Amino acid sequence: HPPHHHLHSEMWLIREGTVELTINGISHRLGAGGVGFVRSNEEHGIKNVGTGPATYYVVAIGPGADS
């Protein structure tokens, strides 16, 4: 997903593969079992940077999370 922001916070739990989570221009590599968190209105994006599929769970928290 390209960089974007929204009202709710989000948490990612990486199930398999390797992703790059970029938050406010700072990139973090996360592998299986890794966790990432972004606060409300922080610019963020996530992309698969591994050699195989990447799957992850996303938990949306706070106002706007249900939209």
Protein backbone atom coordinates (compact mmCIF):
# COMPACT_ATOMS: atom_id res chain seq x y z
CA HIS A 1 0.00 0.00 0.00
CA PRO A 2 1.45 3.39 -0.90
CA PRO A 3 1.98 6.06 1.80
CA HIS A 4 -1.28 7.34 3.28
CA HIS A 5 -2.80 8.38 6.62
CA HIS A 6 -6.15 8.17 8.38
CA LEU A 7 -7.83 8.93 11.68
CA HIS A 8 -7.55 5.47 13.24
CA SER A 9 -4.37 3.78 14.48
CA GLU A 10 -3.24 0.45 13.02
CA MET A 11 -1.25 -2.54 14.20
CA TRP A 12 0.22 -5.22 11.91
CA LEU A 13 1.19 -8.75 12.88
CA ILE A 14 3.29 -10.36 10.17
CA ARG A 15 2.26 -13.98 9.57
CA GLU A 16 4.77 -14.90 6.85
CA GLY A 17 7.27 -13.27 4.54
CA THR A 18 9.11 -9.98 4.87
CA VAL A 19 7.58 -6.52 4.59
CA GLU A 20 8.87 -2.99 4.76
CA LEU A 21 6.69 -0.73 6.90
CA THR A 22 7.47 2.95 6.37
CA ILE A 23 6.22 5.38 9.01
CA ASN A 24 6.81 9.11 8.49
CA GLY A 25 9.60 8.34 6.02
CA ILE A 26 11.45 5.84 8.26
CA SER A 27 11.48 2.25 7.00
CA HIS A 28 11.35 -0.85 9.20
CA ARG A 29 11.81 -4.44 7.95
CA LEU A 30 9.49 -6.93 9.61
CA GLY A 31 9.49 -10.70 9.25
CA ALA A 32 7.22 -13.47 10.49
CA GLY A 33 6.18 -12.73 14.08
CA GLY A 34 7.06 -9.05 13.73
CA VAL A 35 4.68 -6.33 14.89
CA GLY A 36 4.29 -2.76 13.66
CA PHE A 37 2.15 0.08 14.98
CA VAL A 38 1.19 3.46 13.56
CA ARG A 39 -0.66 6.19 15.44
CA SER A 40 -3.56 8.22 14.16
CA ASN A 41 -2.69 10.45 11.18
CA GLU A 42 0.91 9.21 10.83
CA GLU A 43 1.86 8.73 7.19
CA HIS A 44 2.59 5.08 6.52
CA GLY A 45 2.84 2.45 3.82
CA ILE A 46 3.65 -1.26 3.71
CA LYS A 47 5.10 -3.40 0.93
CA ASN A 48 6.35 -6.92 0.41
CA VAL A 49 10.16 -6.92 0.10
CA GLY A 50 10.69 -10.68 0.39
CA THR A 51 11.17 -13.31 -2.27
CA GLY A 52 7.81 -14.99 -1.57
CA PRO A 53 4.32 -14.04 -0.44
CA ALA A 54 3.81 -11.88 2.63
CA THR A 55 0.67 -12.20 4.73
CA TYR A 56 -0.24 -10.18 7.78
CA TYR A 57 -3.12 -9.26 10.05
CA VAL A 58 -4.19 -5.64 10.48
CA VAL A 59 -5.99 -4.37 13.57
CA ALA A 60 -7.59 -0.92 13.20
CA ILE A 61 -8.05 0.95 16.48
CA GLY A 62 -10.04 4.07 17.34
CA PRO A 63 -12.39 6.47 15.54
CA GLY A 64 -12.87 5.57 11.88
CA ALA A 65 -11.66 1.99 12.36
CA ASP A 66 -14.97 0.56 11.20
CA SER A 67 -14.99 2.39 7.86
